[in-house]
Amino acid sequence: MLYNASYFTLRAKQPDLPRPFRAIGHPLLPALILLVTIALLVGVIVADPESGLWTAGLIAICLPVGFHLGRQRRRAVAQ
């Protein structure tokens, strides 16, 4: 899910960046895949709330860690 969301973030932040491949069906197919992965997460939470909430919690932990690592990488490149 985060991988699919990052696709849209990269396209928005760096639209002129050369792409080594073409995204088939851009933006509809990647958006559909993102919606399916979100629906799967919701389905896991509904079917097994304890495991689903653990999974959602792990995803929530990954977000700030990813932002922090990205910030550190940008600072290292700027120096």
PDB file of N, CA and C in Angstrom:
ATOM      1  N   MET A   1       0.829  -1.180   0.000  1.00  0.00           N
ATOM      2  CA  MET A   1       0.000   0.000   0.000  1.00  0.00           C
ATOM      3  C   MET A   1       0.878   1.249   0.000  1.00  0.00           C
ATOM      4  N   LEU A   2       1.898   1.275   0.837  1.00  0.00           N
ATOM      5  CA  LEU A   2       2.783   2.442   0.896  1.00  0.00           C
ATOM      6  C   LEU A   2       3.566   2.594  -0.402  1.00  0.00           C
ATOM      7  N   TYR A   3       3.951   1.482  -0.984  1.00  0.00           N
ATOM      8  CA  TYR A   3       4.667   1.516  -2.271  1.00  0.00           C
ATOM      9  C   TYR A   3       3.796   2.158  -3.339  1.00  0.00           C
ATOM     10  N   ASN A   4       2.536   1.770  -3.394  1.00  0.00           N
ATOM     11  CA  ASN A   4       1.629   2.331  -4.385  1.00  0.00           C
ATOM     12  C   ASN A   4       1.369   3.810  -4.130  1.00  0.00           C
ATOM     13  N   ALA A   5       1.242   4.197  -2.875  1.00  0.00           N
ATOM     14  CA  ALA A   5       1.040   5.608  -2.555  1.00  0.00           C
ATOM     15  C   ALA A   5       2.284   6.428  -2.893  1.00  0.00           C
ATOM     16  N   SER A   6       3.462   5.838  -2.708  1.00  0.00           N
ATOM     17  CA  SER A   6       4.694   6.576  -3.009  1.00  0.00           C
ATOM     18  C   SER A   6       4.825   6.840  -4.511  1.00  0.00           C
ATOM     19  N   TYR A   7       4.236   5.998  -5.323  1.00  0.00           N
ATOM     20  CA  TYR A   7       4.231   6.216  -6.777  1.00  0.00           C
ATOM     21  C   TYR A   7       3.612   7.579  -7.091  1.00  0.00           C
ATOM     22  N   PHE A   8       2.474   7.883  -6.491  1.00  0.00           N
ATOM     23  CA  PHE A   8       1.808   9.155  -6.750  1.00  0.00           C
ATOM     24  C   PHE A   8       2.588  10.328  -6.161  1.00  0.00           C
ATOM     25  N   THR A   9       3.203  10.107  -4.993  1.00  0.00           N
ATOM     26  CA  THR A   9       3.997  11.164  -4.375  1.00  0.00           C
ATOM     27  C   THR A   9       5.193  11.523  -5.250  1.00  0.00           C
ATOM     28  N   LEU A  10       5.887  10.529  -5.757  1.00  0.00           N
ATOM     29  CA  LEU A  10       7.041  10.782  -6.617  1.00  0.00           C
ATOM     30  C   LEU A  10       6.613  11.496  -7.896  1.00  0.00           C
ATOM     31  N   ARG A  11       5.525  11.058  -8.498  1.00  0.00           N
ATOM     32  CA  ARG A  11       5.045  11.706  -9.723  1.00  0.00           C
ATOM     33  C   ARG A  11       4.682  13.165  -9.478  1.00  0.00           C
ATOM     34  N   ALA A  12       4.149  13.474  -8.300  1.00  0.00           N
ATOM     35  CA  ALA A  12       3.758  14.850  -7.986  1.00  0.00           C
ATOM     36  C   ALA A  12       4.966  15.722  -7.650  1.00  0.00           C
ATOM     37  N   LYS A  13       5.912  15.184  -6.886  1.00  0.00           N
ATOM     38  CA  LYS A  13       7.065  15.976  -6.457  1.00  0.00           C
ATOM     39  C   LYS A  13       8.106  16.162  -7.550  1.00  0.00           C
ATOM     40  N   GLN A  14       8.281  15.158  -8.411  1.00  0.00           N
ATOM     41  CA  GLN A  14       9.314  15.225  -9.448  1.00  0.00           C
ATOM     42  C   GLN A  14       8.729  14.787 -10.796  1.00  0.00           C
ATOM     43  N   PRO A  15       7.878  15.634 -11.371  1.00  0.00           N
ATOM     44  CA  PRO A  15       7.217  15.230 -12.623  1.00  0.00           C
ATOM     45  C   PRO A  15       8.171  15.110 -13.813  1.00  0.00           C
ATOM     46  N   ASP A  16       9.293  15.794 -13.799  1.00  0.00           N
ATOM     47  CA  ASP A  16      10.214  15.770 -14.934  1.00  0.00           C
ATOM     48  C   ASP A  16      11.329  14.739 -14.783  1.00  0.00           C
ATOM     49  N   LEU A  17      11.314  13.977 -13.706  1.00  0.00           N
ATOM     50  CA  LEU A  17      12.334  12.960 -13.479  1.00  0.00           C
ATOM     51  C   LEU A  17      12.233  11.880 -14.557  1.00  0.00           C
ATOM     52  N   PRO A  18      13.366  11.515 -15.179  1.00  0.00           N
ATOM     53  CA  PRO A  18      13.296  10.455 -16.198  1.00  0.00           C
ATOM     54  C   PRO A  18      12.846   9.140 -15.573  1.00  0.00           C
ATOM     55  N   ARG A  19      11.941   8.464 -16.241  1.00  0.00           N
ATOM     56  CA  ARG A  19      11.390   7.202 -15.738  1.00  0.00           C
ATOM     57  C   ARG A  19      11.989   6.039 -16.533  1.00  0.00           C
ATOM     58  N   PRO A  20      12.522   5.028 -15.849  1.00  0.00           N
ATOM     59  CA  PRO A  20      13.106   3.888 -16.574  1.00  0.00           C
ATOM     60  C   PRO A  20      12.044   2.955 -17.163  1.00  0.00           C
ATOM     61  N   PHE A  21      10.783   3.175 -16.803  1.00  0.00           N
ATOM     62  CA  PHE A  21       9.706   2.348 -17.335  1.00  0.00           C
ATOM     63  C   PHE A  21       8.438   3.189 -17.406  1.00  0.00           C
ATOM     64  N   ARG A  22       7.479   2.726 -18.165  1.00  0.00           N
ATOM     65  CA  ARG A  22       6.202   3.412 -18.270  1.00  0.00           C
ATOM     66  C   ARG A  22       5.192   2.707 -17.378  1.00  0.00           C
ATOM     67  N   ALA A  23       4.392   3.479 -16.688  1.00  0.00           N
ATOM     68  CA  ALA A  23       3.335   2.913 -15.849  1.00  0.00           C
ATOM     69  C   ALA A  23       2.107   2.685 -16.734  1.00  0.00           C
ATOM     70  N   ILE A  24       1.748   1.426 -16.897  1.00  0.00           N
ATOM     71  CA  ILE A  24       0.620   1.094 -17.755  1.00  0.00           C
ATOM     72  C   ILE A  24      -0.660   1.623 -17.123  1.00  0.00           C
ATOM     73  N   GLY A  25      -1.461   2.317 -17.920  1.00  0.00           N
ATOM     74  CA  GLY A  25      -2.748   2.804 -17.438  1.00  0.00           C
ATOM     75  C   GLY A  25      -2.667   3.957 -16.463  1.00  0.00           C
ATOM     76  N   HIS A  26      -1.553   4.685 -16.480  1.00  0.00           N
ATOM     77  CA  HIS A  26      -1.368   5.810 -15.550  1.00  0.00           C
ATOM     78  C   HIS A  26      -2.453   6.833 -15.781  1.00  0.00           C
ATOM     79  N   PRO A  27      -3.093   7.382 -14.802  1.00  0.00           N
ATOM     80  CA  PRO A  27      -3.056   7.112 -13.367  1.00  0.00           C
ATOM     81  C   PRO A  27      -4.154   6.157 -12.897  1.00  0.00           C
ATOM     82  N   LEU A  28      -4.990   5.678 -13.808  1.00  0.00           N
ATOM     83  CA  LEU A  28      -6.138   4.875 -13.380  1.00  0.00           C
ATOM     84  C   LEU A  28      -5.741   3.521 -12.787  1.00  0.00           C
ATOM     85  N   LEU A  29      -4.893   2.783 -13.458  1.00  0.00           N
ATOM     86  CA  LEU A  29      -4.532   1.456 -12.960  1.00  0.00           C
ATOM     87  C   LEU A  29      -3.764   1.525 -11.638  1.00  0.00           C
ATOM     88  N   PRO A  30      -2.752   2.392 -11.488  1.00  0.00           N
ATOM     89  CA  PRO A  30      -2.101   2.500 -10.168  1.00  0.00           C
ATOM     90  C   PRO A  30      -3.079   2.938  -9.066  1.00  0.00           C
ATOM     91  N   ALA A  31      -4.018   3.820  -9.405  1.00  0.00           N
ATOM     92  CA  ALA A  31      -5.016   4.249  -8.405  1.00  0.00           C
ATOM     93  C   ALA A  31      -5.922   3.078  -8.024  1.00  0.00           C
ATOM     94  N   LEU A  32      -6.306   2.276  -9.000  1.00  0.00           N
ATOM     95  CA  LEU A  32      -7.135   1.101  -8.720  1.00  0.00           C
ATOM     96  C   LEU A  32      -6.386   0.115  -7.817  1.00  0.00           C
ATOM     97  N   ILE A  33      -5.113  -0.098  -8.100  1.00  0.00           N
ATOM     98  CA  ILE A  33      -4.308  -1.006  -7.270  1.00  0.00           C
ATOM     99  C   ILE A  33      -4.205  -0.469  -5.848  1.00  0.00           C
ATOM    100  N   LEU A  34      -4.032   0.850  -5.704  1.00  0.00           N
ATOM    101  CA  LEU A  34      -3.975   1.451  -4.372  1.00  0.00           C
ATOM    102  C   LEU A  34      -5.295   1.245  -3.634  1.00  0.00           C
ATOM    103  N   LEU A  35      -6.413   1.448  -4.308  1.00  0.00           N
ATOM    104  CA  LEU A  35      -7.718   1.239  -3.674  1.00  0.00           C
ATOM    105  C   LEU A  35      -7.922  -0.219  -3.265  1.00  0.00           C
ATOM    106  N   VAL A  36      -7.458  -1.150  -4.094  1.00  0.00           N
ATOM    107  CA  VAL A  36      -7.583  -2.575  -3.762  1.00  0.00           C
ATOM    108  C   VAL A  36      -6.754  -2.907  -2.525  1.00  0.00           C
ATOM    109  N   THR A  37      -5.540  -2.384  -2.433  1.00  0.00           N
ATOM    110  CA  THR A  37      -4.710  -2.687  -1.257  1.00  0.00           C
ATOM    111  C   THR A  37      -5.306  -2.075   0.009  1.00  0.00           C
ATOM    112  N   ILE A  38      -5.891  -0.890  -0.114  1.00  0.00           N
ATOM    113  CA  ILE A  38      -6.569  -0.288   1.048  1.00  0.00           C
ATOM    114  C   ILE A  38      -7.772  -1.141   1.440  1.00  0.00           C
ATOM    115  N   ALA A  39      -8.528  -1.609   0.452  1.00  0.00           N
ATOM    116  CA  ALA A  39      -9.686  -2.461   0.731  1.00  0.00           C
ATOM    117  C   ALA A  39      -9.251  -3.768   1.398  1.00  0.00           C
ATOM    118  N   LEU A  40      -8.114  -4.324   0.964  1.00  0.00           N
ATOM    119  CA  LEU A  40      -7.606  -5.548   1.600  1.00  0.00           C
ATOM    120  C   LEU A  40      -7.237  -5.300   3.064  1.00  0.00           C
ATOM    121  N   LEU A  41      -6.622  -4.162   3.343  1.00  0.00           N
ATOM    122  CA  LEU A  41      -6.290  -3.835   4.733  1.00  0.00           C
ATOM    123  C   LEU A  41      -7.563  -3.691   5.559  1.00  0.00           C
ATOM    124  N   VAL A  42      -8.551  -3.008   5.020  1.00  0.00           N
ATOM    125  CA  VAL A  42      -9.821  -2.855   5.737  1.00  0.00           C
ATOM    126  C   VAL A  42     -10.470  -4.225   5.948  1.00  0.00           C
ATOM    127  N   GLY A  43     -10.410  -5.088   4.923  1.00  0.00           N
ATOM    128  CA  GLY A  43     -10.963  -6.432   5.054  1.00  0.00           C
ATOM    129  C   GLY A  43     -10.278  -7.244   6.136  1.00  0.00           C
ATOM    130  N   VAL A  44      -8.961  -7.117   6.239  1.00  0.00           N
ATOM    131  CA  VAL A  44      -8.223  -7.828   7.292  1.00  0.00           C
ATOM    132  C   VAL A  44      -8.638  -7.297   8.661  1.00  0.00           C
ATOM    133  N   ILE A  45      -8.796  -5.984   8.775  1.00  0.00           N
ATOM    134  CA  ILE A  45      -9.203  -5.396  10.057  1.00  0.00           C
ATOM    135  C   ILE A  45     -10.601  -5.871  10.450  1.00  0.00           C
ATOM    136  N   VAL A  46     -11.507  -5.946   9.476  1.00  0.00           N
ATOM    137  CA  VAL A  46     -12.870  -6.396   9.767  1.00  0.00           C
ATOM    138  C   VAL A  46     -12.892  -7.886  10.110  1.00  0.00           C
ATOM    139  N   ALA A  47     -12.166  -8.708   9.343  1.00  0.00           N
ATOM    140  CA  ALA A  47     -12.190 -10.157   9.547  1.00  0.00           C
ATOM    141  C   ALA A  47     -11.472 -10.586  10.821  1.00  0.00           C
ATOM    142  N   ASP A  48     -10.365  -9.948  11.114  1.00  0.00           N
ATOM    143  CA  ASP A  48      -9.576 -10.303  12.299  1.00  0.00           C
ATOM    144  C   ASP A  48      -9.055  -9.005  12.911  1.00  0.00           C
ATOM    145  N   PRO A  49      -9.881  -8.367  13.744  1.00  0.00           N
ATOM    146  CA  PRO A  49      -9.513  -7.033  14.250  1.00  0.00           C
ATOM    147  C   PRO A  49      -8.161  -6.969  14.943  1.00  0.00           C
ATOM    148  N   GLU A  50      -7.814  -7.975  15.717  1.00  0.00           N
ATOM    149  CA  GLU A  50      -6.540  -7.913  16.437  1.00  0.00           C
ATOM    150  C   GLU A  50      -5.358  -7.909  15.465  1.00  0.00           C
ATOM    151  N   SER A  51      -5.323  -8.855  14.547  1.00  0.00           N
ATOM    152  CA  SER A  51      -4.225  -8.903  13.564  1.00  0.00           C
ATOM    153  C   SER A  51      -4.257  -7.686  12.650  1.00  0.00           C
ATOM    154  N   GLY A  52      -5.448  -7.274  12.258  1.00  0.00           N
ATOM    155  CA  GLY A  52      -5.572  -6.116  11.381  1.00  0.00           C
ATOM    156  C   GLY A  52      -5.066  -4.836  12.019  1.00  0.00           C
ATOM    157  N   LEU A  53      -5.368  -4.674  13.293  1.00  0.00           N
ATOM    158  CA  LEU A  53      -4.883  -3.473  13.977  1.00  0.00           C
ATOM    159  C   LEU A  53      -3.375  -3.524  14.187  1.00  0.00           C
ATOM    160  N   TRP A  54      -2.834  -4.722  14.427  1.00  0.00           N
ATOM    161  CA  TRP A  54      -1.374  -4.843  14.502  1.00  0.00           C
ATOM    162  C   TRP A  54      -0.743  -4.452  13.175  1.00  0.00           C
ATOM    163  N   THR A  55      -1.336  -4.921  12.091  1.00  0.00           N
ATOM    164  CA  THR A  55      -0.813  -4.589  10.758  1.00  0.00           C
ATOM    165  C   THR A  55      -0.899  -3.093  10.506  1.00  0.00           C
ATOM    166  N   ALA A  56      -2.046  -2.497  10.802  1.00  0.00           N
ATOM    167  CA  ALA A  56      -2.199  -1.047  10.628  1.00  0.00           C
ATOM    168  C   ALA A  56      -1.225  -0.288  11.519  1.00  0.00           C
ATOM    169  N   GLY A  57      -0.985  -0.789  12.724  1.00  0.00           N
ATOM    170  CA  GLY A  57      -0.028  -0.146  13.625  1.00  0.00           C
ATOM    171  C   GLY A  57       1.391  -0.197  13.088  1.00  0.00           C
ATOM    172  N   LEU A  58       1.758  -1.338  12.519  1.00  0.00           N
ATOM    173  CA  LEU A  58       3.099  -1.442  11.925  1.00  0.00           C
ATOM    174  C   LEU A  58       3.253  -0.498  10.736  1.00  0.00           C
ATOM    175  N   ILE A  59       2.209  -0.382   9.935  1.00  0.00           N
ATOM    176  CA  ILE A  59       2.247   0.578   8.827  1.00  0.00           C
ATOM    177  C   ILE A  59       2.377   1.994   9.365  1.00  0.00           C
ATOM    178  N   ALA A  60       1.638   2.295  10.429  1.00  0.00           N
ATOM    179  CA  ALA A  60       1.706   3.636  11.024  1.00  0.00           C
ATOM    180  C   ALA A  60       3.094   3.935  11.582  1.00  0.00           C
ATOM    181  N   ILE A  61       3.776   2.921  12.089  1.00  0.00           N
ATOM    182  CA  ILE A  61       5.142   3.116  12.582  1.00  0.00           C
ATOM    183  C   ILE A  61       6.098   3.379  11.421  1.00  0.00           C
ATOM    184  N   CYS A  62       5.867   2.725  10.300  1.00  0.00           N
ATOM    185  CA  CYS A  62       6.759   2.875   9.138  1.00  0.00           C
ATOM    186  C   CYS A  62       6.727   4.297   8.574  1.00  0.00           C
ATOM    187  N   LEU A  63       5.601   4.956   8.656  1.00  0.00           N
ATOM    188  CA  LEU A  63       5.488   6.297   8.062  1.00  0.00           C
ATOM    189  C   LEU A  63       6.467   7.300   8.671  1.00  0.00           C
ATOM    190  N   PRO A  64       6.460   7.527   9.996  1.00  0.00           N
ATOM    191  CA  PRO A  64       7.416   8.501  10.535  1.00  0.00           C
ATOM    192  C   PRO A  64       8.868   8.082  10.358  1.00  0.00           C
ATOM    193  N   VAL A  65       9.127   6.772  10.420  1.00  0.00           N
ATOM    194  CA  VAL A  65      10.497   6.301  10.208  1.00  0.00           C
ATOM    195  C   VAL A  65      10.936   6.629   8.779  1.00  0.00           C
ATOM    196  N   GLY A  66      10.068   6.395   7.815  1.00  0.00           N
ATOM    197  CA  GLY A  66      10.386   6.711   6.427  1.00  0.00           C
ATOM    198  C   GLY A  66      10.608   8.200   6.210  1.00  0.00           C
ATOM    199  N   PHE A  67       9.757   9.031   6.821  1.00  0.00           N
ATOM    200  CA  PHE A  67       9.936  10.481   6.700  1.00  0.00           C
ATOM    201  C   PHE A  67      11.271  10.914   7.302  1.00  0.00           C
ATOM    202  N   HIS A  68      11.610  10.350   8.446  1.00  0.00           N
ATOM    203  CA  HIS A  68      12.868  10.698   9.109  1.00  0.00           C
ATOM    204  C   HIS A  68      14.072  10.290   8.251  1.00  0.00           C
ATOM    205  N   LEU A  69      14.040   9.075   7.715  1.00  0.00           N
ATOM    206  CA  LEU A  69      15.152   8.622   6.879  1.00  0.00           C
ATOM    207  C   LEU A  69      15.272   9.447   5.600  1.00  0.00           C
ATOM    208  N   GLY A  70      14.151   9.825   5.030  1.00  0.00           N
ATOM    209  CA  GLY A  70      14.185  10.680   3.843  1.00  0.00           C
ATOM    210  C   GLY A  70      14.772  12.047   4.151  1.00  0.00           C
ATOM    211  N   ARG A  71      14.422  12.593   5.297  1.00  0.00           N
ATOM    212  CA  ARG A  71      14.968  13.888   5.709  1.00  0.00           C
ATOM    213  C   ARG A  71      16.471  13.793   5.918  1.00  0.00           C
ATOM    214  N   GLN A  72      16.933  12.700   6.542  1.00  0.00           N
ATOM    215  CA  GLN A  72      18.371  12.511   6.742  1.00  0.00           C
ATOM    216  C   GLN A  72      19.098  12.379   5.406  1.00  0.00           C
ATOM    217  N   ARG A  73      18.502  11.677   4.463  1.00  0.00           N
ATOM    218  CA  ARG A  73      19.130  11.503   3.146  1.00  0.00           C
ATOM    219  C   ARG A  73      19.244  12.840   2.422  1.00  0.00           C
ATOM    220  N   ARG A  74      18.194  13.648   2.495  1.00  0.00           N
ATOM    221  CA  ARG A  74      18.254  14.964   1.853  1.00  0.00           C
ATOM    222  C   ARG A  74      19.312  15.857   2.482  1.00  0.00           C
ATOM    223  N   ARG A  75      19.453  15.794   3.797  1.00  0.00           N
ATOM    224  CA  ARG A  75      20.477  16.595   4.483  1.00  0.00           C
ATOM    225  C   ARG A  75      21.877  16.126   4.071  1.00  0.00           C
ATOM    226  N   ALA A  76      22.079  14.820   3.953  1.00  0.00           N
ATOM    227  CA  ALA A  76      23.395  14.292   3.563  1.00  0.00           C
ATOM    228  C   ALA A  76      23.748  14.705   2.135  1.00  0.00           C
ATOM    229  N   VAL A  77      22.778  14.731   1.253  1.00  0.00           N
ATOM    230  CA  VAL A  77      23.021  15.126  -0.135  1.00  0.00           C
ATOM    231  C   VAL A  77      23.335  16.620  -0.220  1.00  0.00           C
ATOM    232  N   ALA A  78      22.677  17.416   0.612  1.00  0.00           N
ATOM    233  CA  ALA A  78      22.873  18.870   0.594  1.00  0.00           C
ATOM    234  C   ALA A  78      24.245  19.271   1.123  1.00  0.00           C
ATOM    235  N   GLN A  79      24.869  18.439   1.919  1.00  0.00           N
ATOM    236  CA  GLN A  79      26.168  18.807   2.515  1.00  0.00           C
ATOM    237  C   GLN A  79      27.297  18.613   1.568  1.00  0.00           C
TER     238      GLN A  79
END
